[in-house]
């Protein structure tokens, strides 16, 4: 069973890690957009923003319902990072348990 479970858990762990970086890219993109460093008149920039938004908004939207609005500061990515970190720790412990460590 561990022959199947360990690689599956490893893939889940790295998928969570990849999603963490996607959320980071979304935050950086929104800052660059807010400070006028980039604009959405460029088709490539608009496409990148759309892809990042489609990847992160389903996870951020429920969190935004619970976290109060602080004006220009959006704390939902921080909450999502903490959730992802917790999930990674759980998956890491499961991997260690499967390995027998």
PDB file of N, CA and C in Angstrom:
ATOM      1  N   UNK A   1       0.822  -1.200   0.000  1.00  0.00           N
ATOM      2  CA  UNK A   1       0.000   0.000   0.000  1.00  0.00           C
ATOM      3  C   UNK A   1       0.861   1.257   0.000  1.00  0.00           C
ATOM      4  N   UNK A   2       1.993   1.210   0.708  1.00  0.00           N
ATOM      5  CA  UNK A   2       2.843   2.399   0.764  1.00  0.00           C
ATOM      6  C   UNK A   2       3.497   2.686  -0.579  1.00  0.00           C
ATOM      7  N   UNK A   3       3.560   1.670  -1.454  1.00  0.00           N
ATOM      8  CA  UNK A   3       4.126   1.875  -2.783  1.00  0.00           C
ATOM      9  C   UNK A   3       3.258   2.844  -3.580  1.00  0.00           C
ATOM     10  N   UNK A   4       1.968   2.826  -3.365  1.00  0.00           N
ATOM     11  CA  UNK A   4       1.049   3.726  -4.054  1.00  0.00           C
ATOM     12  C   UNK A   4       0.858   5.016  -3.267  1.00  0.00           C
ATOM     13  N   UNK A   5       0.753   4.903  -1.953  1.00  0.00           N
ATOM     14  CA  UNK A   5       0.398   6.043  -1.118  1.00  0.00           C
ATOM     15  C   UNK A   5       1.510   7.080  -1.018  1.00  0.00           C
ATOM     16  N   UNK A   6       2.740   6.647  -0.887  1.00  0.00           N
ATOM     17  CA  UNK A   6       3.837   7.607  -0.726  1.00  0.00           C
ATOM     18  C   UNK A   6       4.010   8.514  -1.943  1.00  0.00           C
ATOM     19  N   UNK A   7       4.043   7.992  -3.172  1.00  0.00           N
ATOM     20  CA  UNK A   7       4.145   8.904  -4.322  1.00  0.00           C
ATOM     21  C   UNK A   7       2.931   9.822  -4.460  1.00  0.00           C
ATOM     22  N   UNK A   8       1.751   9.308  -4.132  1.00  0.00           N
ATOM     23  CA  UNK A   8       0.546  10.130  -4.201  1.00  0.00           C
ATOM     24  C   UNK A   8       0.621  11.290  -3.211  1.00  0.00           C
ATOM     25  N   UNK A   9       1.040  11.003  -1.991  1.00  0.00           N
ATOM     26  CA  UNK A   9       1.182  12.055  -0.987  1.00  0.00           C
ATOM     27  C   UNK A   9       2.277  13.046  -1.373  1.00  0.00           C
ATOM     28  N   UNK A  10       3.335  12.566  -2.002  1.00  0.00           N
ATOM     29  CA  UNK A  10       4.407  13.451  -2.447  1.00  0.00           C
ATOM     30  C   UNK A  10       3.908  14.395  -3.534  1.00  0.00           C
ATOM     31  N   UNK A  11       3.106  13.891  -4.446  1.00  0.00           N
ATOM     32  CA  UNK A  11       2.525  14.743  -5.490  1.00  0.00           C
ATOM     33  C   UNK A  11       1.599  15.787  -4.869  1.00  0.00           C
ATOM     34  N   UNK A  12       0.807  15.387  -3.892  1.00  0.00           N
ATOM     35  CA  UNK A  12      -0.076  16.331  -3.202  1.00  0.00           C
ATOM     36  C   UNK A  12       0.745  17.400  -2.496  1.00  0.00           C
ATOM     37  N   UNK A  13       1.827  16.995  -1.850  1.00  0.00           N
ATOM     38  CA  UNK A  13       2.691  17.945  -1.152  1.00  0.00           C
ATOM     39  C   UNK A  13       3.245  18.984  -2.130  1.00  0.00           C
ATOM     40  N   UNK A  14       3.753  18.529  -3.267  1.00  0.00           N
ATOM     41  CA  UNK A  14       4.332  19.464  -4.229  1.00  0.00           C
ATOM     42  C   UNK A  14       3.262  20.295  -4.937  1.00  0.00           C
ATOM     43  N   UNK A  15       2.051  19.775  -5.077  1.00  0.00           N
ATOM     44  CA  UNK A  15       0.955  20.571  -5.632  1.00  0.00           C
ATOM     45  C   UNK A  15       0.595  21.714  -4.683  1.00  0.00           C
ATOM     46  N   UNK A  16       0.596  21.430  -3.385  1.00  0.00           N
ATOM     47  CA  UNK A  16       0.353  22.488  -2.399  1.00  0.00           C
ATOM     48  C   UNK A  16       1.462  23.527  -2.439  1.00  0.00           C
ATOM     49  N   UNK A  17       2.700  23.076  -2.613  1.00  0.00           N
ATOM     50  CA  UNK A  17       3.840  23.991  -2.722  1.00  0.00           C
ATOM     51  C   UNK A  17       3.708  24.874  -3.964  1.00  0.00           C
ATOM     52  N   UNK A  18       3.334  24.278  -5.073  1.00  0.00           N
ATOM     53  CA  UNK A  18       3.148  25.034  -6.313  1.00  0.00           C
ATOM     54  C   UNK A  18       2.032  26.057  -6.158  1.00  0.00           C
ATOM     55  N   UNK A  19       0.944  25.672  -5.513  1.00  0.00           N
ATOM     56  CA  UNK A  19      -0.169  26.598  -5.305  1.00  0.00           C
ATOM     57  C   UNK A  19       0.251  27.755  -4.405  1.00  0.00           C
ATOM     58  N   UNK A  20       1.139  27.491  -3.444  1.00  0.00           N
ATOM     59  CA  UNK A  20       1.664  28.551  -2.584  1.00  0.00           C
ATOM     60  C   UNK A  20       2.354  29.610  -3.441  1.00  0.00           C
ATOM     61  N   UNK A  21       3.151  29.168  -4.408  1.00  0.00           N
ATOM     62  CA  UNK A  21       3.850  30.107  -5.282  1.00  0.00           C
ATOM     63  C   UNK A  21       2.890  30.815  -6.235  1.00  0.00           C
ATOM     64  N   UNK A  22       1.825  30.164  -6.632  1.00  0.00           N
ATOM     65  CA  UNK A  22       0.822  30.820  -7.472  1.00  0.00           C
ATOM     66  C   UNK A  22       0.129  31.934  -6.696  1.00  0.00           C
ATOM     67  N   UNK A  23      -0.178  31.701  -5.432  1.00  0.00           N
ATOM     68  CA  UNK A  23      -0.775  32.750  -4.592  1.00  0.00           C
ATOM     69  C   UNK A  23       0.212  33.903  -4.428  1.00  0.00           C
ATOM     70  N   UNK A  24       1.485  33.592  -4.231  1.00  0.00           N
ATOM     71  CA  UNK A  24       2.508  34.635  -4.131  1.00  0.00           C
ATOM     72  C   UNK A  24       2.572  35.452  -5.419  1.00  0.00           C
ATOM     73  N   UNK A  25       2.531  34.792  -6.561  1.00  0.00           N
ATOM     74  CA  UNK A  25       2.554  35.501  -7.844  1.00  0.00           C
ATOM     75  C   UNK A  25       1.327  36.396  -7.995  1.00  0.00           C
ATOM     76  N   UNK A  26       0.184  35.943  -7.506  1.00  0.00           N
ATOM     77  CA  UNK A  26      -1.031  36.752  -7.564  1.00  0.00           C
ATOM     78  C   UNK A  26      -0.893  38.008  -6.718  1.00  0.00           C
ATOM     79  N   UNK A  27      -0.318  37.864  -5.535  1.00  0.00           N
ATOM     80  CA  UNK A  27      -0.117  39.024  -4.655  1.00  0.00           C
ATOM     81  C   UNK A  27       0.839  40.019  -5.301  1.00  0.00           C
ATOM     82  N   UNK A  28       1.951  39.538  -5.823  1.00  0.00           N
ATOM     83  CA  UNK A  28       2.924  40.423  -6.469  1.00  0.00           C
ATOM     84  C   UNK A  28       2.299  41.089  -7.687  1.00  0.00           C
ATOM     85  N   UNK A  29       1.542  40.340  -8.466  1.00  0.00           N
ATOM     86  CA  UNK A  29       0.874  40.902  -9.643  1.00  0.00           C
ATOM     87  C   UNK A  29      -0.089  42.010  -9.235  1.00  0.00           C
ATOM     88  N   UNK A  30      -0.857  41.796  -8.178  1.00  0.00           N
ATOM     89  CA  UNK A  30      -1.816  42.821  -7.747  1.00  0.00           C
ATOM     90  C   UNK A  30      -1.107  44.069  -7.237  1.00  0.00           C
ATOM     91  N   UNK A  31       0.036  43.905  -6.565  1.00  0.00           N
ATOM     92  CA  UNK A  31       0.808  45.070  -6.125  1.00  0.00           C
ATOM     93  C   UNK A  31       1.345  45.851  -7.317  1.00  0.00           C
ATOM     94  N   UNK A  32       1.909  45.137  -8.286  1.00  0.00           N
ATOM     95  CA  UNK A  32       2.438  45.806  -9.473  1.00  0.00           C
ATOM     96  C   UNK A  32       1.334  46.533 -10.225  1.00  0.00           C
ATOM     97  N   UNK A  33       0.167  45.955 -10.265  1.00  0.00           N
ATOM     98  CA  UNK A  33      -0.969  46.587 -10.919  1.00  0.00           C
ATOM     99  C   UNK A  33      -1.438  47.811 -10.135  1.00  0.00           C
ATOM    100  N   UNK A  34      -1.482  47.698  -8.811  1.00  0.00           N
ATOM    101  CA  UNK A  34      -1.941  48.808  -7.974  1.00  0.00           C
ATOM    102  C   UNK A  34      -0.984  49.997  -8.018  1.00  0.00           C
ATOM    103  N   UNK A  35       0.310  49.741  -8.111  1.00  0.00           N
ATOM    104  CA  UNK A  35       1.294  50.823  -8.138  1.00  0.00           C
ATOM    105  C   UNK A  35       1.573  51.334  -9.545  1.00  0.00           C
ATOM    106  N   UNK A  36       0.878  50.809 -10.529  1.00  0.00           N
ATOM    107  CA  UNK A  36       1.016  51.298 -11.886  1.00  0.00           C
ATOM    108  C   UNK A  36       2.275  50.850 -12.604  1.00  0.00           C
ATOM    109  N   UNK A  37       2.948  49.848 -12.091  1.00  0.00           N
ATOM    110  CA  UNK A  37       4.153  49.340 -12.746  1.00  0.00           C
ATOM    111  C   UNK A  37       3.770  48.603 -14.027  1.00  0.00           C
ATOM    112  N   UNK A  38       2.669  47.879 -13.970  1.00  0.00           N
ATOM    113  CA  UNK A  38       2.141  47.205 -15.154  1.00  0.00           C
ATOM    114  C   UNK A  38       0.703  47.659 -15.348  1.00  0.00           C
ATOM    115  N   UNK A  39       0.204  47.534 -16.560  1.00  0.00           N
ATOM    116  CA  UNK A  39      -1.197  47.854 -16.805  1.00  0.00           C
ATOM    117  C   UNK A  39      -1.822  46.759 -17.646  1.00  0.00           C
ATOM    118  N   UNK A  40      -3.124  46.727 -17.643  1.00  0.00           N
ATOM    119  CA  UNK A  40      -3.835  45.655 -18.335  1.00  0.00           C
ATOM    120  C   UNK A  40      -4.117  45.983 -19.794  1.00  0.00           C
ATOM    121  N   UNK A  41      -3.539  47.063 -20.309  1.00  0.00           N
ATOM    122  CA  UNK A  41      -3.681  47.354 -21.737  1.00  0.00           C
ATOM    123  C   UNK A  41      -2.900  46.348 -22.573  1.00  0.00           C
ATOM    124  N   UNK A  42      -1.845  45.798 -21.991  1.00  0.00           N
ATOM    125  CA  UNK A  42      -1.054  44.775 -22.672  1.00  0.00           C
ATOM    126  C   UNK A  42      -1.803  43.445 -22.582  1.00  0.00           C
ATOM    127  N   UNK A  43      -1.977  42.796 -23.720  1.00  0.00           N
ATOM    128  CA  UNK A  43      -2.748  41.545 -23.756  1.00  0.00           C
ATOM    129  C   UNK A  43      -2.085  40.446 -22.918  1.00  0.00           C
ATOM    130  N   UNK A  44      -0.759  40.353 -22.952  1.00  0.00           N
ATOM    131  CA  UNK A  44      -0.060  39.317 -22.185  1.00  0.00           C
ATOM    132  C   UNK A  44      -0.244  39.531 -20.686  1.00  0.00           C
ATOM    133  N   UNK A  45      -0.151  40.778 -20.253  1.00  0.00           N
ATOM    134  CA  UNK A  45      -0.332  41.089 -18.826  1.00  0.00           C
ATOM    135  C   UNK A  45      -1.760  40.769 -18.406  1.00  0.00           C
ATOM    136  N   UNK A  46      -2.715  41.130 -19.241  1.00  0.00           N
ATOM    137  CA  UNK A  46      -4.118  40.852 -18.932  1.00  0.00           C
ATOM    138  C   UNK A  46      -4.369  39.344 -18.857  1.00  0.00           C
ATOM    139  N   UNK A  47      -3.746  38.581 -19.749  1.00  0.00           N
ATOM    140  CA  UNK A  47      -3.906  37.126 -19.748  1.00  0.00           C
ATOM    141  C   UNK A  47      -3.294  36.502 -18.501  1.00  0.00           C
ATOM    142  N   UNK A  48      -2.100  36.955 -18.128  1.00  0.00           N
ATOM    143  CA  UNK A  48      -1.454  36.444 -16.911  1.00  0.00           C
ATOM    144  C   UNK A  48      -2.312  36.746 -15.688  1.00  0.00           C
ATOM    145  N   UNK A  49      -2.816  37.966 -15.599  1.00  0.00           N
ATOM    146  CA  UNK A  49      -3.677  38.335 -14.481  1.00  0.00           C
ATOM    147  C   UNK A  49      -4.945  37.510 -14.436  1.00  0.00           C
ATOM    148  N   UNK A  50      -5.521  37.247 -15.600  1.00  0.00           N
ATOM    149  CA  UNK A  50      -6.736  36.444 -15.663  1.00  0.00           C
ATOM    150  C   UNK A  50      -6.473  35.009 -15.208  1.00  0.00           C
ATOM    151  N   UNK A  51      -5.361  34.438 -15.655  1.00  0.00           N
ATOM    152  CA  UNK A  51      -5.012  33.065 -15.253  1.00  0.00           C
ATOM    153  C   UNK A  51      -4.770  32.994 -13.744  1.00  0.00           C
ATOM    154  N   UNK A  52      -4.004  33.943 -13.213  1.00  0.00           N
ATOM    155  CA  UNK A  52      -3.740  33.952 -11.769  1.00  0.00           C
ATOM    156  C   UNK A  52      -5.033  34.122 -10.980  1.00  0.00           C
ATOM    157  N   UNK A  53      -5.906  34.997 -11.461  1.00  0.00           N
ATOM    158  CA  UNK A  53      -7.179  35.223 -10.782  1.00  0.00           C
ATOM    159  C   UNK A  53      -8.046  33.969 -10.808  1.00  0.00           C
ATOM    160  N   UNK A  54      -8.097  33.290 -11.946  1.00  0.00           N
ATOM    161  CA  UNK A  54      -8.906  32.069 -12.045  1.00  0.00           C
ATOM    162  C   UNK A  54      -8.355  30.943 -11.172  1.00  0.00           C
ATOM    163  N   UNK A  55      -7.043  30.929 -10.969  1.00  0.00           N
ATOM    164  CA  UNK A  55      -6.444  29.877 -10.144  1.00  0.00           C
ATOM    165  C   UNK A  55      -6.614  30.135  -8.646  1.00  0.00           C
ATOM    166  N   UNK A  56      -6.603  31.391  -8.239  1.00  0.00           N
ATOM    167  CA  UNK A  56      -6.602  31.688  -6.801  1.00  0.00           C
ATOM    168  C   UNK A  56      -7.948  32.149  -6.251  1.00  0.00           C
ATOM    169  N   UNK A  57      -8.775  32.742  -7.075  1.00  0.00           N
ATOM    170  CA  UNK A  57     -10.030  33.305  -6.567  1.00  0.00           C
ATOM    171  C   UNK A  57     -10.957  32.269  -5.934  1.00  0.00           C
ATOM    172  N   UNK A  58     -11.078  31.049  -6.468  1.00  0.00           N
ATOM    173  CA  UNK A  58     -11.947  30.072  -5.791  1.00  0.00           C
ATOM    174  C   UNK A  58     -11.507  29.747  -4.362  1.00  0.00           C
ATOM    175  N   UNK A  59     -10.225  29.829  -4.073  1.00  0.00           N
ATOM    176  CA  UNK A  59      -9.752  29.564  -2.708  1.00  0.00           C
ATOM    177  C   UNK A  59      -9.811  30.820  -1.843  1.00  0.00           C
ATOM    178  N   UNK A  60      -9.617  31.984  -2.452  1.00  0.00           N
ATOM    179  CA  UNK A  60      -9.584  33.223  -1.673  1.00  0.00           C
ATOM    180  C   UNK A  60     -10.982  33.757  -1.350  1.00  0.00           C
ATOM    181  N   UNK A  61     -11.944  33.524  -2.215  1.00  0.00           N
ATOM    182  CA  UNK A  61     -13.288  34.079  -2.021  1.00  0.00           C
ATOM    183  C   UNK A  61     -13.928  33.645  -0.704  1.00  0.00           C
ATOM    184  N   UNK A  62     -13.906  32.350  -0.343  1.00  0.00           N
ATOM    185  CA  UNK A  62     -14.508  31.977   0.948  1.00  0.00           C
ATOM    186  C   UNK A  62     -13.763  32.570   2.145  1.00  0.00           C
ATOM    187  N   UNK A  63     -12.457  32.727   2.005  1.00  0.00           N
ATOM    188  CA  UNK A  63     -11.673  33.305   3.103  1.00  0.00           C
ATOM    189  C   UNK A  63     -12.032  34.770   3.282  1.00  0.00           C
ATOM    190  N   UNK A  64     -12.268  35.478   2.181  1.00  0.00           N
ATOM    191  CA  UNK A  64     -12.622  36.903   2.253  1.00  0.00           C
ATOM    192  C   UNK A  64     -13.955  37.128   2.952  1.00  0.00           C
ATOM    193  N   UNK A  65     -14.826  36.133   2.930  1.00  0.00           N
ATOM    194  CA  UNK A  65     -16.102  36.271   3.636  1.00  0.00           C
ATOM    195  C   UNK A  65     -15.907  36.307   5.148  1.00  0.00           C
ATOM    196  N   UNK A  66     -14.843  35.671   5.636  1.00  0.00           N
ATOM    197  CA  UNK A  66     -14.628  35.566   7.077  1.00  0.00           C
ATOM    198  C   UNK A  66     -13.667  36.608   7.614  1.00  0.00           C
ATOM    199  N   UNK A  67     -12.763  37.101   6.776  1.00  0.00           N
ATOM    200  CA  UNK A  67     -11.788  38.095   7.222  1.00  0.00           C
ATOM    201  C   UNK A  67     -12.351  39.479   6.947  1.00  0.00           C
ATOM    202  N   UNK A  68     -12.346  40.366   7.947  1.00  0.00           N
ATOM    203  CA  UNK A  68     -12.888  41.706   7.721  1.00  0.00           C
ATOM    204  C   UNK A  68     -12.034  42.495   6.730  1.00  0.00           C
ATOM    205  N   UNK A  69     -12.659  43.478   6.101  1.00  0.00           N
ATOM    206  CA  UNK A  69     -11.987  44.323   5.125  1.00  0.00           C
ATOM    207  C   UNK A  69     -11.152  45.375   5.856  1.00  0.00           C
ATOM    208  N   UNK A  70      -9.874  45.468   5.502  1.00  0.00           N
ATOM    209  CA  UNK A  70      -8.980  46.453   6.099  1.00  0.00           C
ATOM    210  C   UNK A  70      -8.615  47.542   5.100  1.00  0.00           C
ATOM    211  N   UNK A  71      -9.528  47.877   4.226  1.00  0.00           N
ATOM    212  CA  UNK A  71      -9.255  48.907   3.234  1.00  0.00           C
ATOM    213  C   UNK A  71      -8.449  48.351   2.083  1.00  0.00           C
ATOM    214  N   UNK A  72      -7.266  48.906   1.880  1.00  0.00           N
ATOM    215  CA  UNK A  72      -6.427  48.502   0.744  1.00  0.00           C
ATOM    216  C   UNK A  72      -5.652  47.218   1.014  1.00  0.00           C
ATOM    217  N   UNK A  73      -5.641  46.753   2.259  1.00  0.00           N
ATOM    218  CA  UNK A  73      -4.861  45.566   2.616  1.00  0.00           C
ATOM    219  C   UNK A  73      -5.774  44.339   2.603  1.00  0.00           C
ATOM    220  N   UNK A  74      -5.408  43.362   1.794  1.00  0.00           N
ATOM    221  CA  UNK A  74      -6.161  42.111   1.704  1.00  0.00           C
ATOM    222  C   UNK A  74      -5.369  41.021   2.423  1.00  0.00           C
ATOM    223  N   UNK A  75      -5.905  40.547   3.528  1.00  0.00           N
ATOM    224  CA  UNK A  75      -5.211  39.536   4.323  1.00  0.00           C
ATOM    225  C   UNK A  75      -5.596  38.108   3.949  1.00  0.00           C
ATOM    226  N   UNK A  76      -6.480  37.948   2.988  1.00  0.00           N
ATOM    227  CA  UNK A  76      -6.894  36.592   2.619  1.00  0.00           C
ATOM    228  C   UNK A  76      -5.750  35.748   2.050  1.00  0.00           C
ATOM    229  N   UNK A  77      -4.793  36.304   1.278  1.00  0.00           N
ATOM    230  CA  UNK A  77      -3.669  35.455   0.859  1.00  0.00           C
ATOM    231  C   UNK A  77      -2.824  34.953   2.026  1.00  0.00           C
ATOM    232  N   UNK A  78      -2.690  35.761   3.059  1.00  0.00           N
ATOM    233  CA  UNK A  78      -1.923  35.332   4.231  1.00  0.00           C
ATOM    234  C   UNK A  78      -2.639  34.164   4.911  1.00  0.00           C
ATOM    235  N   UNK A  79      -3.949  34.281   5.039  1.00  0.00           N
ATOM    236  CA  UNK A  79      -4.719  33.187   5.631  1.00  0.00           C
ATOM    237  C   UNK A  79      -4.621  31.928   4.774  1.00  0.00           C
ATOM    238  N   UNK A  80      -4.667  32.099   3.456  1.00  0.00           N
ATOM    239  CA  UNK A  80      -4.537  30.949   2.561  1.00  0.00           C
ATOM    240  C   UNK A  80      -3.157  30.324   2.676  1.00  0.00           C
ATOM    241  N   UNK A  81      -2.120  31.155   2.805  1.00  0.00           N
ATOM    242  CA  UNK A  81      -0.763  30.619   2.991  1.00  0.00           C
ATOM    243  C   UNK A  81      -0.678  29.785   4.263  1.00  0.00           C
ATOM    244  N   UNK A  82      -1.303  30.270   5.338  1.00  0.00           N
ATOM    245  CA  UNK A  82      -1.287  29.511   6.591  1.00  0.00           C
ATOM    246  C   UNK A  82      -2.032  28.183   6.443  1.00  0.00           C
ATOM    247  N   UNK A  83      -3.144  28.198   5.731  1.00  0.00           N
ATOM    248  CA  UNK A  83      -3.890  26.963   5.485  1.00  0.00           C
ATOM    249  C   UNK A  83      -3.052  25.997   4.658  1.00  0.00           C
ATOM    250  N   UNK A  84      -2.396  26.518   3.607  1.00  0.00           N
ATOM    251  CA  UNK A  84      -1.543  25.667   2.774  1.00  0.00           C
ATOM    252  C   UNK A  84      -0.374  25.104   3.571  1.00  0.00           C
ATOM    253  N   UNK A  85       0.208  25.927   4.434  1.00  0.00           N
ATOM    254  CA  UNK A  85       1.309  25.466   5.278  1.00  0.00           C
ATOM    255  C   UNK A  85       0.846  24.346   6.206  1.00  0.00           C
ATOM    256  N   UNK A  86      -0.322  24.520   6.802  1.00  0.00           N
ATOM    257  CA  UNK A  86      -0.872  23.487   7.674  1.00  0.00           C
ATOM    258  C   UNK A  86      -1.111  22.190   6.900  1.00  0.00           C
ATOM    259  N   UNK A  87      -1.701  22.302   5.713  1.00  0.00           N
ATOM    260  CA  UNK A  87      -1.956  21.112   4.900  1.00  0.00           C
ATOM    261  C   UNK A  87      -0.659  20.428   4.490  1.00  0.00           C
ATOM    262  N   UNK A  88       0.361  21.220   4.174  1.00  0.00           N
ATOM    263  CA  UNK A  88       1.656  20.630   3.832  1.00  0.00           C
ATOM    264  C   UNK A  88       2.247  19.882   5.019  1.00  0.00           C
ATOM    265  N   UNK A  89       2.101  20.441   6.210  1.00  0.00           N
ATOM    266  CA  UNK A  89       2.619  19.767   7.396  1.00  0.00           C
ATOM    267  C   UNK A  89       1.883  18.450   7.635  1.00  0.00           C
ATOM    268  N   UNK A  90       0.573  18.446   7.426  1.00  0.00           N
ATOM    269  CA  UNK A  90      -0.207  17.219   7.594  1.00  0.00           C
ATOM    270  C   UNK A  90       0.234  16.170   6.581  1.00  0.00           C
ATOM    271  N   UNK A  91       0.386  16.581   5.325  1.00  0.00           N
ATOM    272  CA  UNK A  91       0.809  15.635   4.286  1.00  0.00           C
ATOM    273  C   UNK A  91       2.213  15.124   4.578  1.00  0.00           C
ATOM    274  N   UNK A  92       3.082  16.005   5.060  1.00  0.00           N
ATOM    275  CA  UNK A  92       4.450  15.593   5.389  1.00  0.00           C
ATOM    276  C   UNK A  92       4.448  14.556   6.519  1.00  0.00           C
ATOM    277  N   UNK A  93       3.615  14.759   7.512  1.00  0.00           N
ATOM    278  CA  UNK A  93       3.508  13.773   8.601  1.00  0.00           C
ATOM    279  C   UNK A  93       2.951  12.449   8.085  1.00  0.00           C
ATOM    280  N   UNK A  94       2.005  12.519   7.160  1.00  0.00           N
ATOM    281  CA  UNK A  94       1.470  11.288   6.578  1.00  0.00           C
ATOM    282  C   UNK A  94       2.534  10.549   5.780  1.00  0.00           C
ATOM    283  N   UNK A  95       3.355  11.292   5.052  1.00  0.00           N
ATOM    284  CA  UNK A  95       4.451  10.661   4.306  1.00  0.00           C
ATOM    285  C   UNK A  95       5.411   9.973   5.265  1.00  0.00           C
ATOM    286  N   UNK A  96       5.730  10.641   6.363  1.00  0.00           N
ATOM    287  CA  UNK A  96       6.632  10.042   7.348  1.00  0.00           C
ATOM    288  C   UNK A  96       6.008   8.798   7.977  1.00  0.00           C
ATOM    289  N   UNK A  97       4.697   8.837   8.214  1.00  0.00           N
ATOM    290  CA  UNK A  97       4.020   7.674   8.793  1.00  0.00           C
ATOM    291  C   UNK A  97       4.009   6.502   7.815  1.00  0.00           C
ATOM    292  N   UNK A  98       3.830   6.800   6.538  1.00  0.00           N
ATOM    293  CA  UNK A  98       3.834   5.737   5.529  1.00  0.00           C
ATOM    294  C   UNK A  98       5.219   5.119   5.419  1.00  0.00           C
ATOM    295  N   UNK A  99       6.249   5.950   5.540  1.00  0.00           N
ATOM    296  CA  UNK A  99       7.625   5.446   5.471  1.00  0.00           C
ATOM    297  C   UNK A  99       8.013   4.678   6.728  1.00  0.00           C
ATOM    298  N   UNK A 100       7.252   4.863   7.792  1.00  0.00           N
ATOM    299  CA  UNK A 100       7.561   4.181   9.040  1.00  0.00           C
ATOM    300  C   UNK A 100       8.547   4.930   9.908  1.00  0.00           C
ATOM    301  N   UNK A 101       8.646   6.235   9.715  1.00  0.00           N
ATOM    302  CA  UNK A 101       9.583   7.043  10.512  1.00  0.00           C
ATOM    303  C   UNK A 101       8.906   7.651  11.715  1.00  0.00           C
TER     304      UNK A 101
END
